Amino acid sequence: MSLPIIWTIVFFGCLIIELSSGDFYFVCFALGALASLIAAALDVPLLYQLLIWAVASVACLVFVRPSLIKRLHNRKERKSNADALIGKTGIVTETIPAGGHGYVQIDGDQWRSVSAEDIEIPKGATVTVTARESIVLTVK
């Protein structure tokens, strides 16, 4: 078996292993194998191919992997569930009496709501969610 084929197998093997781990370690070894594949295609001796693989893999672990990890884990936190409703607008589907509960439709869902300003909000009014307590929204 020729060396370029072996480096190709190592390259794809590392990528397949990376799919199951997700730590970006094996991607670095795959990139090292890709560099050695290029060297093998240029008829570089095997000892140098192994050296290229080792140096490229370590360089990737030191320089590329931290950047990938940072980009993956440095995402802004997204609000979920009812917290994502704060700031959204909706339509009152059942009048919200002063000091009482009514219903607001937001994105097709009905939410039990109270008025933030302790005033009556009529059916059909457009409101904005300002807070929530459990599953009851506060709107104005």
N, C-alpha and C. Protein backbone atom coordinates (compact mmCIF):
# COMPACT_ATOMS: atom_id res chain seq x y z
N MET A 1 0.86 -1.18 0.00
CA MET A 1 0.00 0.00 0.00
C MET A 1 0.90 1.24 0.00
N SER A 2 0.55 2.22 -0.80
CA SER A 2 1.40 3.41 -0.90
C SER A 2 1.14 4.36 0.27
N LEU A 3 2.13 5.20 0.57
CA LEU A 3 2.03 6.12 1.70
C LEU A 3 0.89 7.14 1.57
N PRO A 4 0.64 7.71 0.39
CA PRO A 4 -0.51 8.63 0.31
C PRO A 4 -1.84 7.97 0.69
N ILE A 5 -2.01 6.71 0.35
CA ILE A 5 -3.24 6.01 0.71
C ILE A 5 -3.32 5.82 2.22
N ILE A 6 -2.18 5.47 2.82
CA ILE A 6 -2.16 5.29 4.28
C ILE A 6 -2.49 6.61 4.98
N TRP A 7 -1.91 7.72 4.53
CA TRP A 7 -2.20 9.02 5.15
C TRP A 7 -3.66 9.42 4.92
N THR A 8 -4.23 9.04 3.80
CA THR A 8 -5.64 9.31 3.54
C THR A 8 -6.51 8.53 4.51
N ILE A 9 -6.15 7.28 4.76
CA ILE A 9 -6.90 6.46 5.72
C ILE A 9 -6.78 7.05 7.12
N VAL A 10 -5.57 7.48 7.49
CA VAL A 10 -5.38 8.09 8.80
C VAL A 10 -6.21 9.38 8.91
N PHE A 11 -6.21 10.18 7.85
CA PHE A 11 -6.97 11.43 7.82
C PHE A 11 -8.46 11.17 8.06
N PHE A 12 -9.04 10.28 7.27
CA PHE A 12 -10.48 10.00 7.42
C PHE A 12 -10.79 9.26 8.72
N GLY A 13 -9.87 8.41 9.16
CA GLY A 13 -10.06 7.72 10.44
C GLY A 13 -10.14 8.71 11.59
N CYS A 14 -9.24 9.69 11.58
CA CYS A 14 -9.27 10.71 12.64
C CYS A 14 -10.55 11.53 12.59
N LEU A 15 -11.01 11.85 11.39
CA LEU A 15 -12.26 12.61 11.27
C LEU A 15 -13.46 11.81 11.78
N ILE A 16 -13.47 10.53 11.50
CA ILE A 16 -14.57 9.68 11.98
C ILE A 16 -14.54 9.57 13.50
N ILE A 17 -13.36 9.42 14.07
CA ILE A 17 -13.25 9.37 15.54
C ILE A 17 -13.69 10.70 16.13
N GLU A 18 -13.35 11.82 15.48
CA GLU A 18 -13.73 13.14 15.98
C GLU A 18 -15.25 13.30 16.03
N LEU A 19 -15.94 12.71 15.09
CA LEU A 19 -17.40 12.79 15.09
C LEU A 19 -18.01 12.21 16.36
N SER A 20 -17.35 11.22 16.94
CA SER A 20 -17.89 10.63 18.16
C SER A 20 -17.41 11.32 19.43
N SER A 21 -16.31 12.08 19.35
CA SER A 21 -15.79 12.71 20.56
C SER A 21 -16.18 14.18 20.67
N GLY A 22 -16.00 14.96 19.62
CA GLY A 22 -16.38 16.37 19.62
C GLY A 22 -15.45 17.27 20.43
N ASP A 23 -14.24 16.79 20.75
CA ASP A 23 -13.31 17.58 21.54
C ASP A 23 -12.29 18.34 20.71
N PHE A 24 -12.28 18.14 19.42
CA PHE A 24 -11.35 18.78 18.48
C PHE A 24 -9.91 18.30 18.63
N TYR A 25 -9.68 17.18 19.31
CA TYR A 25 -8.34 16.62 19.36
C TYR A 25 -8.02 15.91 18.05
N PHE A 26 -8.93 15.07 17.61
CA PHE A 26 -8.66 14.26 16.44
C PHE A 26 -8.69 15.06 15.14
N VAL A 27 -9.35 16.21 15.15
CA VAL A 27 -9.29 17.10 13.99
C VAL A 27 -7.85 17.56 13.78
N CYS A 28 -7.17 17.84 14.88
CA CYS A 28 -5.78 18.27 14.79
C CYS A 28 -4.90 17.16 14.22
N PHE A 29 -5.12 15.92 14.64
CA PHE A 29 -4.36 14.81 14.08
C PHE A 29 -4.72 14.58 12.61
N ALA A 30 -5.98 14.83 12.27
CA ALA A 30 -6.39 14.71 10.87
C ALA A 30 -5.70 15.76 10.01
N LEU A 31 -5.60 16.99 10.52
CA LEU A 31 -4.89 18.03 9.76
C LEU A 31 -3.41 17.71 9.63
N GLY A 32 -2.83 17.12 10.66
CA GLY A 32 -1.45 16.66 10.57
C GLY A 32 -1.30 15.57 9.51
N ALA A 33 -2.27 14.66 9.46
CA ALA A 33 -2.25 13.62 8.43
C ALA A 33 -2.41 14.20 7.04
N LEU A 34 -3.21 15.26 6.92
CA LEU A 34 -3.37 15.92 5.63
C LEU A 34 -2.06 16.55 5.18
N ALA A 35 -1.33 17.17 6.11
CA ALA A 35 -0.03 17.74 5.77
C ALA A 35 0.94 16.64 5.35
N SER A 36 0.91 15.51 6.03
CA SER A 36 1.77 14.39 5.66
C SER A 36 1.35 13.76 4.35
N LEU A 37 0.07 13.77 4.06
CA LEU A 37 -0.43 13.28 2.77
C LEU A 37 0.16 14.10 1.64
N ILE A 38 0.18 15.41 1.82
CA ILE A 38 0.76 16.29 0.80
C ILE A 38 2.26 16.00 0.65
N ALA A 39 2.93 15.81 1.80
CA ALA A 39 4.35 15.49 1.75
C ALA A 39 4.59 14.14 1.05
N ALA A 40 3.73 13.15 1.33
CA ALA A 40 3.87 11.85 0.69
C ALA A 40 3.65 11.94 -0.82
N ALA A 41 2.71 12.80 -1.22
CA ALA A 41 2.46 12.99 -2.65
C ALA A 41 3.66 13.63 -3.34
N LEU A 42 4.47 14.37 -2.58
CA LEU A 42 5.67 15.00 -3.12
C LEU A 42 6.92 14.12 -2.94
N ASP A 43 6.72 12.86 -2.57
CA ASP A 43 7.80 11.88 -2.39
C ASP A 43 8.81 12.26 -1.31
N VAL A 44 8.33 12.85 -0.23
CA VAL A 44 9.17 13.14 0.93
C VAL A 44 9.38 11.82 1.67
N PRO A 45 10.57 11.56 2.19
CA PRO A 45 10.82 10.30 2.91
C PRO A 45 9.88 10.12 4.12
N LEU A 46 9.65 8.85 4.47
CA LEU A 46 8.70 8.50 5.53
C LEU A 46 9.05 9.15 6.87
N LEU A 47 10.32 9.19 7.23
CA LEU A 47 10.72 9.78 8.50
C LEU A 47 10.30 11.25 8.57
N TYR A 48 10.45 11.98 7.48
CA TYR A 48 10.04 13.38 7.44
C TYR A 48 8.51 13.52 7.44
N GLN A 49 7.84 12.56 6.82
CA GLN A 49 6.37 12.58 6.84
C GLN A 49 5.86 12.43 8.28
N LEU A 50 6.48 11.52 9.02
CA LEU A 50 6.09 11.33 10.43
C LEU A 50 6.39 12.59 11.24
N LEU A 51 7.53 13.22 10.96
CA LEU A 51 7.88 14.45 11.65
C LEU A 51 6.89 15.57 11.30
N ILE A 52 6.52 15.67 10.04
CA ILE A 52 5.54 16.67 9.60
C ILE A 52 4.20 16.42 10.28
N TRP A 53 3.79 15.15 10.38
CA TRP A 53 2.54 14.81 11.04
C TRP A 53 2.56 15.23 12.50
N ALA A 54 3.66 14.93 13.19
CA ALA A 54 3.76 15.26 14.61
C ALA A 54 3.78 16.77 14.83
N VAL A 55 4.58 17.49 14.06
CA VAL A 55 4.70 18.94 14.22
C VAL A 55 3.38 19.63 13.87
N ALA A 56 2.77 19.22 12.76
CA ALA A 56 1.51 19.84 12.34
C ALA A 56 0.39 19.54 13.35
N SER A 57 0.36 18.34 13.89
CA SER A 57 -0.67 17.99 14.87
C SER A 57 -0.51 18.79 16.15
N VAL A 58 0.72 18.89 16.63
CA VAL A 58 0.97 19.66 17.86
C VAL A 58 0.69 21.14 17.63
N ALA A 59 1.11 21.66 16.47
CA ALA A 59 0.84 23.07 16.16
C ALA A 59 -0.66 23.33 16.12
N CYS A 60 -1.40 22.40 15.55
CA CYS A 60 -2.86 22.55 15.50
C CYS A 60 -3.45 22.49 16.90
N LEU A 61 -2.95 21.58 17.74
CA LEU A 61 -3.43 21.49 19.12
C LEU A 61 -3.16 22.77 19.90
N VAL A 62 -2.04 23.41 19.62
CA VAL A 62 -1.66 24.61 20.35
C VAL A 62 -2.35 25.86 19.81
N PHE A 63 -2.45 25.97 18.49
CA PHE A 63 -2.93 27.22 17.89
C PHE A 63 -4.37 27.19 17.38
N VAL A 64 -4.81 26.09 16.81
CA VAL A 64 -6.13 26.02 16.19
C VAL A 64 -7.21 25.57 17.18
N ARG A 65 -6.93 24.52 17.95
CA ARG A 65 -7.93 23.96 18.85
C ARG A 65 -8.46 24.98 19.86
N PRO A 66 -7.63 25.79 20.52
CA PRO A 66 -8.18 26.77 21.46
C PRO A 66 -9.15 27.74 20.80
N SER A 67 -8.86 28.13 19.57
CA SER A 67 -9.76 29.03 18.85
C SER A 67 -11.09 28.36 18.56
N LEU A 68 -11.04 27.11 18.16
CA LEU A 68 -12.29 26.37 17.89
C LEU A 68 -13.12 26.20 19.16
N ILE A 69 -12.46 25.86 20.25
CA ILE A 69 -13.16 25.68 21.52
C ILE A 69 -13.78 27.01 21.96
N LYS A 70 -13.04 28.09 21.82
CA LYS A 70 -13.53 29.41 22.22
C LYS A 70 -14.76 29.80 21.41
N ARG A 71 -14.71 29.57 20.12
CA ARG A 71 -15.86 29.91 19.26
C ARG A 71 -17.07 29.04 19.56
N LEU A 72 -16.82 27.80 19.89
CA LEU A 72 -17.92 26.89 20.16
C LEU A 72 -18.59 27.20 21.49
N HIS A 73 -17.81 27.49 22.52
CA HIS A 73 -18.35 27.67 23.86
C HIS A 73 -18.59 29.11 24.24
N ASN A 74 -18.24 30.06 23.40
CA ASN A 74 -18.38 31.47 23.75
C ASN A 74 -19.61 32.09 23.08
N ARG A 75 -20.66 31.32 22.99
CA ARG A 75 -21.90 31.84 22.41
C ARG A 75 -22.68 32.59 23.47
N LYS A 76 -23.40 33.61 23.03
CA LYS A 76 -24.28 34.31 23.96
C LYS A 76 -25.37 33.35 24.40
N GLU A 77 -25.72 33.43 25.66
CA GLU A 77 -26.77 32.56 26.16
C GLU A 77 -28.11 32.99 25.61
N ARG A 78 -28.83 32.02 25.12
CA ARG A 78 -30.16 32.30 24.62
C ARG A 78 -31.17 32.00 25.69
N LYS A 79 -32.14 32.88 25.79
CA LYS A 79 -33.23 32.64 26.73
C LYS A 79 -34.11 31.54 26.18
N SER A 80 -34.67 30.77 27.08
CA SER A 80 -35.54 29.69 26.63
C SER A 80 -36.85 29.72 27.38
N ASN A 81 -37.77 28.97 26.88
CA ASN A 81 -39.10 28.83 27.48
C ASN A 81 -39.77 30.19 27.67
N ALA A 82 -40.37 30.40 28.81
CA ALA A 82 -41.13 31.63 29.04
C ALA A 82 -40.21 32.85 29.15
N ASP A 83 -38.95 32.67 29.54
CA ASP A 83 -38.03 33.80 29.62
C ASP A 83 -37.84 34.46 28.26
N ALA A 84 -37.96 33.70 27.21
CA ALA A 84 -37.79 34.25 25.86
C ALA A 84 -38.95 35.18 25.47
N LEU A 85 -40.05 35.14 26.21
CA LEU A 85 -41.21 35.98 25.90
C LEU A 85 -41.03 37.42 26.36
N ILE A 86 -40.14 37.66 27.32
CA ILE A 86 -39.96 39.02 27.84
C ILE A 86 -39.44 39.92 26.72
N GLY A 87 -40.18 41.01 26.52
CA GLY A 87 -39.87 41.95 25.44
C GLY A 87 -40.68 41.73 24.17
N LYS A 88 -41.36 40.60 24.07
CA LYS A 88 -42.19 40.33 22.89
C LYS A 88 -43.53 41.03 23.00
N THR A 89 -44.15 41.23 21.84
CA THR A 89 -45.47 41.85 21.82
C THR A 89 -46.51 40.78 21.50
N GLY A 90 -47.73 41.05 21.98
CA GLY A 90 -48.83 40.13 21.75
C GLY A 90 -50.15 40.88 21.71
N ILE A 91 -51.21 40.15 21.45
CA ILE A 91 -52.55 40.71 21.35
C ILE A 91 -53.39 40.17 22.50
N VAL A 92 -54.09 41.06 23.19
CA VAL A 92 -54.96 40.64 24.28
C VAL A 92 -56.17 39.92 23.68
N THR A 93 -56.40 38.67 24.08
CA THR A 93 -57.52 37.89 23.56
C THR A 93 -58.67 37.81 24.55
N GLU A 94 -58.39 38.11 25.81
CA GLU A 94 -59.43 38.19 26.84
C GLU A 94 -59.05 39.39 27.71
N THR A 95 -59.98 40.33 27.86
CA THR A 95 -59.71 41.56 28.60
C THR A 95 -59.01 41.27 29.92
N ILE A 96 -57.97 42.08 30.20
CA ILE A 96 -57.24 41.95 31.46
C ILE A 96 -57.78 43.04 32.39
N PRO A 97 -58.59 42.67 33.39
CA PRO A 97 -59.14 43.69 34.30
C PRO A 97 -58.05 44.19 35.26
N ALA A 98 -58.27 45.40 35.78
CA ALA A 98 -57.33 45.95 36.77
C ALA A 98 -57.28 45.01 37.97
N GLY A 99 -56.10 44.55 38.32
CA GLY A 99 -55.95 43.65 39.44
C GLY A 99 -56.35 42.22 39.16
N GLY A 100 -56.70 41.90 37.91
CA GLY A 100 -57.13 40.55 37.58
C GLY A 100 -56.30 39.94 36.46
N HIS A 101 -56.75 38.80 35.99
CA HIS A 101 -56.05 38.06 34.95
C HIS A 101 -56.85 38.05 33.65
N GLY A 102 -56.15 38.04 32.55
CA GLY A 102 -56.74 37.87 31.24
C GLY A 102 -55.79 37.01 30.41
N TYR A 103 -55.97 37.02 29.09
CA TYR A 103 -55.11 36.20 28.24
C TYR A 103 -54.55 37.02 27.08
N VAL A 104 -53.29 36.71 26.76
CA VAL A 104 -52.59 37.36 25.66
C VAL A 104 -52.08 36.28 24.72
N GLN A 105 -52.20 36.53 23.42
CA GLN A 105 -51.70 35.58 22.43
C GLN A 105 -50.36 36.09 21.91
N ILE A 106 -49.33 35.22 22.03
CA ILE A 106 -48.00 35.53 21.54
C ILE A 106 -47.52 34.33 20.73
N ASP A 107 -47.17 34.58 19.49
CA ASP A 107 -46.68 33.52 18.59
C ASP A 107 -47.63 32.31 18.55
N GLY A 108 -48.92 32.58 18.58
CA GLY A 108 -49.91 31.51 18.47
C GLY A 108 -50.26 30.82 19.77
N ASP A 109 -49.60 31.18 20.86
CA ASP A 109 -49.89 30.56 22.16
C ASP A 109 -50.62 31.54 23.06
N GLN A 110 -51.55 31.02 23.88
CA GLN A 110 -52.29 31.83 24.84
C GLN A 110 -51.56 31.81 26.18
N TRP A 111 -51.35 32.99 26.76
CA TRP A 111 -50.68 33.10 28.06
C TRP A 111 -51.55 33.87 29.04
N ARG A 112 -51.68 33.35 30.23
CA ARG A 112 -52.39 34.07 31.28
C ARG A 112 -51.55 35.28 31.64
N SER A 113 -52.20 36.45 31.76
CA SER A 113 -51.45 37.69 31.94
C SER A 113 -52.13 38.62 32.92
N VAL A 114 -51.30 39.49 33.50
CA VAL A 114 -51.78 40.56 34.37
C VAL A 114 -51.20 41.87 33.86
N SER A 115 -51.87 42.97 34.23
CA SER A 115 -51.41 44.29 33.81
C SER A 115 -50.29 44.78 34.73
N ALA A 116 -49.24 45.33 34.15
CA ALA A 116 -48.12 45.85 34.94
C ALA A 116 -48.50 47.13 35.67
N GLU A 117 -49.45 47.88 35.11
CA GLU A 117 -49.80 49.18 35.67
C GLU A 117 -51.12 49.16 36.43
N ASP A 118 -51.63 47.96 36.70
CA ASP A 118 -52.88 47.79 37.45
C ASP A 118 -54.04 48.57 36.83
N ILE A 119 -54.09 48.54 35.48
CA ILE A 119 -55.20 49.15 34.75
C ILE A 119 -55.82 48.09 33.84
N GLU A 120 -57.05 48.34 33.41
CA GLU A 120 -57.70 47.39 32.51
C GLU A 120 -57.11 47.53 31.11
N ILE A 121 -56.84 46.39 30.49
CA ILE A 121 -56.36 46.37 29.10
C ILE A 121 -57.43 45.64 28.29
N PRO A 122 -58.04 46.33 27.31
CA PRO A 122 -59.15 45.73 26.57
C PRO A 122 -58.70 44.67 25.57
N LYS A 123 -59.66 43.80 25.21
CA LYS A 123 -59.44 42.77 24.21
C LYS A 123 -59.04 43.44 22.90
N GLY A 124 -58.05 42.88 22.21
CA GLY A 124 -57.58 43.41 20.93
C GLY A 124 -56.41 44.38 21.05
N ALA A 125 -56.08 44.80 22.27
CA ALA A 125 -54.97 45.74 22.46
C ALA A 125 -53.63 45.02 22.25
N THR A 126 -52.65 45.77 21.75
CA THR A 126 -51.31 45.23 21.60
C THR A 126 -50.52 45.55 22.87
N VAL A 127 -49.89 44.53 23.43
CA VAL A 127 -49.15 44.69 24.68
C VAL A 127 -47.73 44.14 24.53
N THR A 128 -46.88 44.55 25.45
CA THR A 128 -45.50 44.06 25.50
C THR A 128 -45.29 43.36 26.83
N VAL A 129 -44.63 42.23 26.80
CA VAL A 129 -44.35 41.47 28.02
C VAL A 129 -43.18 42.14 28.74
N THR A 130 -43.38 42.46 30.02
CA THR A 130 -42.34 43.11 30.80
C THR A 130 -41.71 42.18 31.83
N ALA A 131 -42.43 41.16 32.25
CA ALA A 131 -41.91 40.22 33.25
C ALA A 131 -42.76 38.97 33.24
N ARG A 132 -42.37 38.00 34.06
CA ARG A 132 -43.17 36.80 34.22
C ARG A 132 -42.95 36.25 35.62
N GLU A 133 -43.97 35.60 36.12
CA GLU A 133 -43.87 34.88 37.38
C GLU A 133 -44.52 33.54 37.16
N SER A 134 -43.72 32.52 37.18
CA SER A 134 -44.16 31.19 36.82
C SER A 134 -44.64 31.22 35.37
N ILE A 135 -45.92 30.91 35.14
CA ILE A 135 -46.43 30.97 33.76
C ILE A 135 -47.37 32.14 33.54
N VAL A 136 -47.39 33.08 34.45
CA VAL A 136 -48.24 34.27 34.30
C VAL A 136 -47.34 35.43 33.86
N LEU A 137 -47.74 36.04 32.73
CA LEU A 137 -46.95 37.13 32.18
C LEU A 137 -47.46 38.47 32.70
N THR A 138 -46.55 39.40 32.88
CA THR A 138 -46.91 40.78 33.21
C THR A 138 -46.72 41.60 31.94
N VAL A 139 -47.79 42.32 31.53
CA VAL A 139 -47.76 43.06 30.26
C VAL A 139 -48.14 44.51 30.47
N LYS A 140 -47.75 45.34 29.52
CA LYS A 140 -48.20 46.73 29.53
C LYS A 140 -48.42 47.19 28.11
